[in-house]
Amino acid sequence: MKTVTKLVTSLALLSTMSVAQTLVTVNGTSITQQDVERELMQATQGRFNQVPVEKQAEFRKQVLEQLVAKELVFDNAKKTGILNSKDFKDRYEEVALRIKKEIAIQLWQKREVDKIVISNDDMKTYYDNNKEEFNGKSADARHILVKTEAEAKEIAKNFEGLTGEALVSKFAELAEAKSIGPSGADGGKLPTFSPREMVPEFSNKAFSMKVGTVSEPVQTQFGFHLIYLESRDNKQIKFTDAKTVINKRLKLEKAKSVMLDKMKELEKKATIK
């Protein structure tokens, strides 16, 4: 099977496989679905799922082709003696030492943080003093982003008299055609969000308007938004469910002073000239 055909076949399998199966082999070296997913997440800083659906297949194709190219070059480098050259060995030792130090430091820091114990009373006090943080508010919405208020008002005229599925369908259609925001390609659909995840103007409107309706134009630093609110949840998160998050947060806060004290202790014992 030719390489191009193999790549196309492999890409077709990507959307159906759930385990790290081999997509293609290059001179005996396997490239797996997990390899492709890891590269995609790194390239998009963990936001690959936010990439428009119609572009995801193309991104996967590019990443798979890049991984194949890397294996071809690496294989040729081995065959032509690069790995035995002085330049390679010098660079390798330099990088290996840097990585060795970084891993050791990270594991040392984790060990020190793991020693920190946060009492149940401290966690409860934090919860009681920061209940707004655990109100569990979340919303699902679509939005249309345009540059001017006039544009927003003109678009809003299309929703007059519409309700239910007809309104959702029309809103998604115009979001795809008119919105300058990245969610436009997905009909304006936004990931579920909490009040703190949006700029105040957008959040205040989304968490005060009626579900199933479209807002008047809302101005933010990005432009003017029309918001369609699909659903909203105001459930309060219980202390028992919030303890894991609180424990982690308080540990990280306490770790700052713990690390500072530890560094002072190490400096006293060290010879620094």
C-alpha atoms as a PDB file:
ATOM      1  CA  MET A   1       0.000   0.000   0.000  1.00  0.00           C
ATOM      2  CA  LYS A   2       1.386   3.387  -0.974  1.00  0.00           C
ATOM      3  CA  THR A   3       2.123   5.973   1.738  1.00  0.00           C
ATOM      4  CA  VAL A   4      -0.566   8.426   0.587  1.00  0.00           C
ATOM      5  CA  THR A   5      -3.222   5.697   0.540  1.00  0.00           C
ATOM      6  CA  LYS A   6      -2.134   4.536   3.976  1.00  0.00           C
ATOM      7  CA  LEU A   7      -2.402   8.062   5.353  1.00  0.00           C
ATOM      8  CA  VAL A   8      -5.918   8.507   3.980  1.00  0.00           C
ATOM      9  CA  THR A   9      -7.010   5.138   5.384  1.00  0.00           C
ATOM     10  CA  SER A  10      -5.434   5.948   8.741  1.00  0.00           C
ATOM     11  CA  LEU A  11      -7.201   9.309   8.913  1.00  0.00           C
ATOM     12  CA  ALA A  12     -10.527   7.617   8.245  1.00  0.00           C
ATOM     13  CA  LEU A  13      -9.946   5.397  11.271  1.00  0.00           C
ATOM     14  CA  LEU A  14      -9.046   8.268  13.616  1.00  0.00           C
ATOM     15  CA  SER A  15     -12.620   9.206  14.408  1.00  0.00           C
ATOM     16  CA  THR A  16     -13.686   5.635  15.253  1.00  0.00           C
ATOM     17  CA  MET A  17     -10.828   4.259  17.348  1.00  0.00           C
ATOM     18  CA  SER A  18     -10.753   4.830  21.106  1.00  0.00           C
ATOM     19  CA  VAL A  19      -7.425   3.192  21.961  1.00  0.00           C
ATOM     20  CA  ALA A  20      -3.834   3.849  20.939  1.00  0.00           C
ATOM     21  CA  GLN A  21      -3.829   1.717  17.804  1.00  0.00           C
ATOM     22  CA  THR A  22      -1.197   1.991  15.097  1.00  0.00           C
ATOM     23  CA  LEU A  23      -2.241   4.252  12.253  1.00  0.00           C
ATOM     24  CA  VAL A  24       0.833   3.779  10.070  1.00  0.00           C
ATOM     25  CA  THR A  25       4.358   2.371  10.367  1.00  0.00           C
ATOM     26  CA  VAL A  26       7.466   4.076   8.992  1.00  0.00           C
ATOM     27  CA  ASN A  27      10.375   1.686   8.445  1.00  0.00           C
ATOM     28  CA  GLY A  28       9.061  -0.449  11.281  1.00  0.00           C
ATOM     29  CA  THR A  29       8.289   2.421  13.706  1.00  0.00           C
ATOM     30  CA  SER A  30       4.627   2.755  14.697  1.00  0.00           C
ATOM     31  CA  ILE A  31       2.735   6.043  14.744  1.00  0.00           C
ATOM     32  CA  THR A  32      -0.396   5.699  16.871  1.00  0.00           C
ATOM     33  CA  GLN A  33      -3.623   7.577  17.328  1.00  0.00           C
ATOM     34  CA  GLN A  34      -2.300   8.609  20.740  1.00  0.00           C
ATOM     35  CA  ASP A  35       0.762  10.174  19.072  1.00  0.00           C
ATOM     36  CA  VAL A  36      -1.483  12.231  16.800  1.00  0.00           C
ATOM     37  CA  GLU A  37      -3.799  13.304  19.637  1.00  0.00           C
ATOM     38  CA  ARG A  38      -0.852  14.364  21.799  1.00  0.00           C
ATOM     39  CA  GLU A  39       0.593  16.511  18.992  1.00  0.00           C
ATOM     40  CA  LEU A  40      -2.811  18.065  18.315  1.00  0.00           C
ATOM     41  CA  MET A  41      -3.267  19.013  21.967  1.00  0.00           C
ATOM     42  CA  GLN A  42       0.219  20.523  22.144  1.00  0.00           C
ATOM     43  CA  ALA A  43      -0.269  22.468  18.919  1.00  0.00           C
ATOM     44  CA  THR A  44      -3.597  23.915  20.113  1.00  0.00           C
ATOM     45  CA  GLN A  45      -2.582  24.295  23.793  1.00  0.00           C
ATOM     46  CA  GLY A  46      -5.192  21.763  24.819  1.00  0.00           C
ATOM     47  CA  ARG A  47      -8.009  23.419  22.879  1.00  0.00           C
ATOM     48  CA  PHE A  48      -8.314  21.091  19.887  1.00  0.00           C
ATOM     49  CA  ASN A  49     -11.978  20.402  20.704  1.00  0.00           C
ATOM     50  CA  GLN A  50     -12.651  24.115  20.140  1.00  0.00           C
ATOM     51  CA  VAL A  51     -11.317  23.934  16.585  1.00  0.00           C
ATOM     52  CA  PRO A  52     -14.209  24.089  14.073  1.00  0.00           C
ATOM     53  CA  VAL A  53     -15.325  20.568  13.196  1.00  0.00           C
ATOM     54  CA  GLU A  54     -14.779  21.083   9.475  1.00  0.00           C
ATOM     55  CA  LYS A  55     -11.106  21.924  10.116  1.00  0.00           C
ATOM     56  CA  GLN A  56     -10.306  19.092  12.539  1.00  0.00           C
ATOM     57  CA  ALA A  57      -9.833  16.465   9.817  1.00  0.00           C
ATOM     58  CA  GLU A  58      -7.358  18.715   7.979  1.00  0.00           C
ATOM     59  CA  PHE A  59      -5.406  19.340  11.199  1.00  0.00           C
ATOM     60  CA  ARG A  60      -5.220  15.595  11.867  1.00  0.00           C
ATOM     61  CA  LYS A  61      -3.966  15.009   8.322  1.00  0.00           C
ATOM     62  CA  GLN A  62      -1.248  17.651   8.703  1.00  0.00           C
ATOM     63  CA  VAL A  63      -0.090  16.287  12.069  1.00  0.00           C
ATOM     64  CA  LEU A  64       0.047  12.718  10.793  1.00  0.00           C
ATOM     65  CA  GLU A  65       2.047  13.819   7.748  1.00  0.00           C
ATOM     66  CA  GLN A  66       4.445  15.747  10.013  1.00  0.00           C
ATOM     67  CA  LEU A  67       4.966  12.722  12.248  1.00  0.00           C
ATOM     68  CA  VAL A  68       5.685  10.550   9.215  1.00  0.00           C
ATOM     69  CA  ALA A  69       8.178  13.137   7.932  1.00  0.00           C
ATOM     70  CA  LYS A  70       9.942  13.249  11.310  1.00  0.00           C
ATOM     71  CA  GLU A  71      10.323   9.470  11.359  1.00  0.00           C
ATOM     72  CA  LEU A  72      11.714   9.469   7.816  1.00  0.00           C
ATOM     73  CA  VAL A  73      14.300  12.125   8.687  1.00  0.00           C
ATOM     74  CA  PHE A  74      15.215  10.490  12.007  1.00  0.00           C
ATOM     75  CA  ASP A  75      15.645   7.114  10.319  1.00  0.00           C
ATOM     76  CA  ASN A  76      17.917   8.638   7.688  1.00  0.00           C
ATOM     77  CA  ALA A  77      19.877  10.492  10.385  1.00  0.00           C
ATOM     78  CA  LYS A  78      20.581   7.183  12.114  1.00  0.00           C
ATOM     79  CA  LYS A  79      21.634   5.518   8.887  1.00  0.00           C
ATOM     80  CA  THR A  80      23.994   8.355   7.944  1.00  0.00           C
ATOM     81  CA  GLY A  81      25.771   8.338  11.310  1.00  0.00           C
ATOM     82  CA  ILE A  82      24.378  11.536  12.831  1.00  0.00           C
ATOM     83  CA  LEU A  83      23.805   9.803  16.182  1.00  0.00           C
ATOM     84  CA  ASN A  84      27.491   8.875  16.376  1.00  0.00           C
ATOM     85  CA  SER A  85      28.788  12.346  15.546  1.00  0.00           C
ATOM     86  CA  LYS A  86      30.443  14.573  18.152  1.00  0.00           C
ATOM     87  CA  ASP A  87      27.985  17.401  17.452  1.00  0.00           C
ATOM     88  CA  PHE A  88      25.053  15.121  18.226  1.00  0.00           C
ATOM     89  CA  LYS A  89      26.606  13.704  21.386  1.00  0.00           C
ATOM     90  CA  ASP A  90      27.491  17.173  22.700  1.00  0.00           C
ATOM     91  CA  ARG A  91      23.975  18.506  22.046  1.00  0.00           C
ATOM     92  CA  TYR A  92      22.391  15.366  23.446  1.00  0.00           C
ATOM     93  CA  GLU A  93      24.357  15.562  26.713  1.00  0.00           C
ATOM     94  CA  GLU A  94      23.497  19.260  27.073  1.00  0.00           C
ATOM     95  CA  VAL A  95      19.771  18.676  26.548  1.00  0.00           C
ATOM     96  CA  ALA A  96      19.743  15.516  28.671  1.00  0.00           C
ATOM     97  CA  LEU A  97      21.316  17.381  31.601  1.00  0.00           C
ATOM     98  CA  ARG A  98      18.789  20.218  31.303  1.00  0.00           C
ATOM     99  CA  ILE A  99      15.866  17.781  31.216  1.00  0.00           C
ATOM    100  CA  LYS A 100      17.355  15.793  34.111  1.00  0.00           C
ATOM    101  CA  LYS A 101      17.465  18.927  36.257  1.00  0.00           C
ATOM    102  CA  GLU A 102      13.940  20.006  35.290  1.00  0.00           C
ATOM    103  CA  ILE A 103      12.432  16.599  36.098  1.00  0.00           C
ATOM    104  CA  ALA A 104      14.312  16.394  39.391  1.00  0.00           C
ATOM    105  CA  ILE A 105      13.146  19.897  40.388  1.00  0.00           C
ATOM    106  CA  GLN A 106       9.530  19.146  39.473  1.00  0.00           C
ATOM    107  CA  LEU A 107       9.521  15.902  41.467  1.00  0.00           C
ATOM    108  CA  TRP A 108      11.218  17.634  44.422  1.00  0.00           C
ATOM    109  CA  GLN A 109       8.582  20.374  44.406  1.00  0.00           C
ATOM    110  CA  LYS A 110       5.769  17.800  44.195  1.00  0.00           C
ATOM    111  CA  ARG A 111       7.225  15.890  47.138  1.00  0.00           C
ATOM    112  CA  GLU A 112       7.402  19.049  49.245  1.00  0.00           C
ATOM    113  CA  VAL A 113       3.842  20.078  48.340  1.00  0.00           C
ATOM    114  CA  ASP A 114       2.541  16.561  49.070  1.00  0.00           C
ATOM    115  CA  LYS A 115       3.865  16.915  52.626  1.00  0.00           C
ATOM    116  CA  ILE A 116       1.560  19.870  53.269  1.00  0.00           C
ATOM    117  CA  VAL A 117      -1.567  18.950  55.225  1.00  0.00           C
ATOM    118  CA  ILE A 118      -4.669  21.150  55.118  1.00  0.00           C
ATOM    119  CA  SER A 119      -7.104  20.627  57.978  1.00  0.00           C
ATOM    120  CA  ASN A 120     -10.819  20.119  57.457  1.00  0.00           C
ATOM    121  CA  ASP A 121     -11.473  23.256  59.557  1.00  0.00           C
ATOM    122  CA  ASP A 122      -9.280  25.364  57.249  1.00  0.00           C
ATOM    123  CA  MET A 123     -11.108  24.029  54.187  1.00  0.00           C
ATOM    124  CA  LYS A 124     -14.510  24.716  55.764  1.00  0.00           C
ATOM    125  CA  THR A 125     -13.461  28.259  56.680  1.00  0.00           C
ATOM    126  CA  TYR A 126     -12.367  28.894  53.077  1.00  0.00           C
ATOM    127  CA  TYR A 127     -15.665  27.485  51.779  1.00  0.00           C
ATOM    128  CA  ASP A 128     -17.761  29.645  54.128  1.00  0.00           C
ATOM    129  CA  ASN A 129     -15.794  32.773  53.234  1.00  0.00           C
ATOM    130  CA  ASN A 130     -15.951  32.145  49.467  1.00  0.00           C
ATOM    131  CA  LYS A 131     -19.403  30.669  48.860  1.00  0.00           C
ATOM    132  CA  GLU A 132     -19.868  32.729  45.696  1.00  0.00           C
ATOM    133  CA  GLU A 133     -17.005  30.739  44.187  1.00  0.00           C
ATOM    134  CA  PHE A 134     -18.980  27.523  44.719  1.00  0.00           C
ATOM    135  CA  ASN A 135     -22.433  28.630  43.653  1.00  0.00           C
ATOM    136  CA  GLY A 136     -22.219  26.205  40.727  1.00  0.00           C
ATOM    137  CA  LYS A 137     -23.621  28.698  38.247  1.00  0.00           C
ATOM    138  CA  SER A 138     -23.149  27.668  34.631  1.00  0.00           C
ATOM    139  CA  ALA A 139     -24.750  28.509  31.331  1.00  0.00           C
ATOM    140  CA  ASP A 140     -24.998  27.232  27.780  1.00  0.00           C
ATOM    141  CA  ALA A 141     -25.349  29.884  25.126  1.00  0.00           C
ATOM    142  CA  ARG A 142     -24.750  30.914  21.542  1.00  0.00           C
ATOM    143  CA  HIS A 143     -23.602  34.348  20.466  1.00  0.00           C
ATOM    144  CA  ILE A 144     -23.113  36.457  17.381  1.00  0.00           C
ATOM    145  CA  LEU A 145     -20.210  38.905  17.523  1.00  0.00           C
ATOM    146  CA  VAL A 146     -20.032  41.893  15.179  1.00  0.00           C
ATOM    147  CA  LYS A 147     -18.065  45.141  15.119  1.00  0.00           C
ATOM    148  CA  THR A 148     -20.841  47.712  15.484  1.00  0.00           C
ATOM    149  CA  GLU A 149     -24.090  48.134  17.380  1.00  0.00           C
ATOM    150  CA  ALA A 150     -25.862  48.970  14.133  1.00  0.00           C
ATOM    151  CA  GLU A 151     -24.871  45.598  12.662  1.00  0.00           C
ATOM    152  CA  ALA A 152     -26.107  43.820  15.782  1.00  0.00           C
ATOM    153  CA  LYS A 153     -29.462  45.601  15.716  1.00  0.00           C
ATOM    154  CA  GLU A 154     -29.929  44.814  12.019  1.00  0.00           C
ATOM    155  CA  ILE A 155     -29.264  41.108  12.645  1.00  0.00           C
ATOM    156  CA  ALA A 156     -31.611  41.119  15.670  1.00  0.00           C
ATOM    157  CA  LYS A 157     -34.547  42.042  13.420  1.00  0.00           C
ATOM    158  CA  ASN A 158     -34.391  38.529  11.955  1.00  0.00           C
ATOM    159  CA  PHE A 159     -35.414  37.012  15.305  1.00  0.00           C
ATOM    160  CA  GLU A 160     -38.626  38.967  15.776  1.00  0.00           C
ATOM    161  CA  GLY A 161     -41.576  36.622  16.263  1.00  0.00           C
ATOM    162  CA  LEU A 162     -39.408  33.496  16.405  1.00  0.00           C
ATOM    163  CA  THR A 163     -39.343  31.063  19.324  1.00  0.00           C
ATOM    164  CA  GLY A 164     -38.149  27.534  20.095  1.00  0.00           C
ATOM    165  CA  GLU A 165     -36.378  25.532  17.390  1.00  0.00           C
ATOM    166  CA  ALA A 166     -37.117  28.129  14.727  1.00  0.00           C
ATOM    167  CA  LEU A 167     -35.269  30.757  16.767  1.00  0.00           C
ATOM    168  CA  VAL A 168     -32.320  28.455  17.489  1.00  0.00           C
ATOM    169  CA  SER A 169     -32.034  27.477  13.834  1.00  0.00           C
ATOM    170  CA  LYS A 170     -32.150  31.087  12.600  1.00  0.00           C
ATOM    171  CA  PHE A 171     -29.666  32.222  15.247  1.00  0.00           C
ATOM    172  CA  ALA A 172     -27.201  29.442  14.337  1.00  0.00           C
ATOM    173  CA  GLU A 173     -27.588  30.245  10.639  1.00  0.00           C
ATOM    174  CA  LEU A 174     -26.816  33.944  11.121  1.00  0.00           C
ATOM    175  CA  ALA A 175     -23.990  33.225  13.579  1.00  0.00           C
ATOM    176  CA  GLU A 176     -22.284  31.141  10.926  1.00  0.00           C
ATOM    177  CA  ALA A 177     -22.847  33.798   8.261  1.00  0.00           C
ATOM    178  CA  LYS A 178     -22.254  37.009  10.235  1.00  0.00           C
ATOM    179  CA  SER A 179     -20.281  36.391  13.439  1.00  0.00           C
ATOM    180  CA  ILE A 180     -16.620  37.402  13.509  1.00  0.00           C
ATOM    181  CA  GLY A 181     -16.014  35.257  16.609  1.00  0.00           C
ATOM    182  CA  PRO A 182     -14.366  31.796  16.387  1.00  0.00           C
ATOM    183  CA  SER A 183     -17.599  30.088  17.489  1.00  0.00           C
ATOM    184  CA  GLY A 184     -19.387  31.382  14.394  1.00  0.00           C
ATOM    185  CA  ALA A 185     -18.453  28.285  12.419  1.00  0.00           C
ATOM    186  CA  ASP A 186     -20.336  26.211  15.005  1.00  0.00           C
ATOM    187  CA  GLY A 187     -23.476  28.314  14.876  1.00  0.00           C
ATOM    188  CA  GLY A 188     -22.234  30.573  17.660  1.00  0.00           C
ATOM    189  CA  LYS A 189     -22.239  27.691  20.162  1.00  0.00           C
ATOM    190  CA  LEU A 190     -20.035  28.311  23.220  1.00  0.00           C
ATOM    191  CA  PRO A 191     -18.672  25.711  25.661  1.00  0.00           C
ATOM    192  CA  THR A 192     -20.545  25.616  28.981  1.00  0.00           C
ATOM    193  CA  PHE A 193     -19.221  28.521  31.051  1.00  0.00           C
ATOM    194  CA  SER A 194     -19.319  29.929  34.586  1.00  0.00           C
ATOM    195  CA  PRO A 195     -19.694  33.650  35.422  1.00  0.00           C
ATOM    196  CA  ARG A 196     -15.951  34.079  35.915  1.00  0.00           C
ATOM    197  CA  GLU A 197     -15.062  32.630  32.528  1.00  0.00           C
ATOM    198  CA  MET A 198     -16.594  35.488  30.553  1.00  0.00           C
ATOM    199  CA  VAL A 199     -15.942  39.224  30.525  1.00  0.00           C
ATOM    200  CA  PRO A 200     -18.289  40.979  33.025  1.00  0.00           C
ATOM    201  CA  GLU A 201     -20.610  42.605  30.459  1.00  0.00           C
ATOM    202  CA  PHE A 202     -21.248  39.288  28.688  1.00  0.00           C
ATOM    203  CA  SER A 203     -21.547  37.322  31.937  1.00  0.00           C
ATOM    204  CA  ASN A 204     -23.927  39.765  33.599  1.00  0.00           C
ATOM    205  CA  LYS A 205     -26.335  39.567  30.666  1.00  0.00           C
ATOM    206  CA  ALA A 206     -26.110  35.783  30.235  1.00  0.00           C
ATOM    207  CA  PHE A 207     -26.850  35.166  33.909  1.00  0.00           C
ATOM    208  CA  SER A 208     -29.759  37.594  34.122  1.00  0.00           C
ATOM    209  CA  MET A 209     -31.668  37.119  30.858  1.00  0.00           C
ATOM    210  CA  LYS A 210     -34.477  34.650  30.248  1.00  0.00           C
ATOM    211  CA  VAL A 211     -33.665  31.179  28.885  1.00  0.00           C
ATOM    212  CA  GLY A 212     -34.727  30.742  25.259  1.00  0.00           C
ATOM    213  CA  THR A 213     -34.450  34.400  24.347  1.00  0.00           C
ATOM    214  CA  VAL A 214     -32.021  36.659  22.467  1.00  0.00           C
ATOM    215  CA  SER A 215     -30.450  39.641  24.223  1.00  0.00           C
ATOM    216  CA  GLU A 216     -30.217  43.192  23.001  1.00  0.00           C
ATOM    217  CA  PRO A 217     -26.698  44.095  21.709  1.00  0.00           C
ATOM    218  CA  VAL A 218     -24.139  43.741  24.514  1.00  0.00           C
ATOM    219  CA  GLN A 219     -20.917  45.716  24.156  1.00  0.00           C
ATOM    220  CA  THR A 220     -17.609  44.227  25.333  1.00  0.00           C
ATOM    221  CA  GLN A 221     -13.967  44.832  24.494  1.00  0.00           C
ATOM    222  CA  PHE A 222     -14.417  42.488  21.520  1.00  0.00           C
ATOM    223  CA  GLY A 223     -17.356  44.214  19.882  1.00  0.00           C
ATOM    224  CA  PHE A 224     -21.147  43.834  20.091  1.00  0.00           C
ATOM    225  CA  HIS A 225     -22.771  40.514  21.006  1.00  0.00           C
ATOM    226  CA  LEU A 226     -26.224  39.076  20.521  1.00  0.00           C
ATOM    227  CA  ILE A 227     -26.643  36.282  23.061  1.00  0.00           C
ATOM    228  CA  TYR A 228     -29.076  33.373  22.800  1.00  0.00           C
ATOM    229  CA  LEU A 229     -29.348  31.662  26.203  1.00  0.00           C
ATOM    230  CA  GLU A 230     -29.978  27.929  25.846  1.00  0.00           C
ATOM    231  CA  SER A 231     -29.910  26.933  29.533  1.00  0.00           C
ATOM    232  CA  ARG A 232     -28.691  28.022  32.947  1.00  0.00           C
ATOM    233  CA  ASP A 233     -27.911  26.110  36.159  1.00  0.00           C
ATOM    234  CA  ASN A 234     -27.761  27.836  39.556  1.00  0.00           C
ATOM    235  CA  LYS A 235     -27.055  24.781  41.748  1.00  0.00           C
ATOM    236  CA  GLN A 236     -24.874  25.383  44.856  1.00  0.00           C
ATOM    237  CA  ILE A 237     -21.852  23.073  45.146  1.00  0.00           C
ATOM    238  CA  LYS A 238     -21.805  21.337  48.546  1.00  0.00           C
ATOM    239  CA  PHE A 239     -18.758  21.571  50.823  1.00  0.00           C
ATOM    240  CA  THR A 240     -18.130  17.817  50.560  1.00  0.00           C
ATOM    241  CA  ASP A 241     -17.977  18.105  46.762  1.00  0.00           C
ATOM    242  CA  ALA A 242     -15.765  21.200  46.881  1.00  0.00           C
ATOM    243  CA  LYS A 243     -13.190  19.844  49.338  1.00  0.00           C
ATOM    244  CA  THR A 244     -10.849  18.411  46.687  1.00  0.00           C
ATOM    245  CA  VAL A 245     -10.619  21.746  44.851  1.00  0.00           C
ATOM    246  CA  ILE A 246     -10.257  23.715  48.096  1.00  0.00           C
ATOM    247  CA  ASN A 247      -7.549  21.387  49.404  1.00  0.00           C
ATOM    248  CA  LYS A 248      -5.547  21.778  46.202  1.00  0.00           C
ATOM    249  CA  ARG A 249      -5.936  25.568  46.210  1.00  0.00           C
ATOM    250  CA  LEU A 250      -4.926  25.974  49.860  1.00  0.00           C
ATOM    251  CA  LYS A 251      -1.983  23.633  49.353  1.00  0.00           C
ATOM    252  CA  LEU A 252      -0.705  25.741  46.474  1.00  0.00           C
ATOM    253  CA  GLU A 253      -1.124  28.927  48.493  1.00  0.00           C
ATOM    254  CA  LYS A 254       0.699  27.470  51.490  1.00  0.00           C
ATOM    255  CA  ALA A 255       3.372  26.016  49.204  1.00  0.00           C
ATOM    256  CA  LYS A 256       4.649  29.531  48.439  1.00  0.00           C
ATOM    257  CA  SER A 257       5.734  30.162  52.037  1.00  0.00           C
ATOM    258  CA  VAL A 258       6.879  26.560  52.503  1.00  0.00           C
ATOM    259  CA  MET A 259       9.124  26.786  49.431  1.00  0.00           C
ATOM    260  CA  LEU A 260      10.494  30.142  50.539  1.00  0.00           C
ATOM    261  CA  ASP A 261      11.411  28.747  53.959  1.00  0.00           C
ATOM    262  CA  LYS A 262      12.949  25.680  52.323  1.00  0.00           C
ATOM    263  CA  MET A 263      15.056  27.804  49.993  1.00  0.00           C
ATOM    264  CA  LYS A 264      16.352  29.872  52.920  1.00  0.00           C
ATOM    265  CA  GLU A 265      17.292  26.658  54.705  1.00  0.00           C
ATOM    266  CA  LEU A 266      19.125  25.313  51.640  1.00  0.00           C
ATOM    267  CA  GLU A 267      20.974  28.596  51.117  1.00  0.00           C
ATOM    268  CA  LYS A 268      22.281  28.529  54.684  1.00  0.00           C
ATOM    269  CA  LYS A 269      23.704  25.055  54.160  1.00  0.00           C
ATOM    270  CA  ALA A 270      25.138  25.754  50.685  1.00  0.00           C
ATOM    271  CA  THR A 271      28.463  27.225  49.592  1.00  0.00           C
ATOM    272  CA  ILE A 272      27.621  30.168  47.348  1.00  0.00           C
ATOM    273  CA  LYS A 273      30.547  32.344  46.233  1.00  0.00           C
END
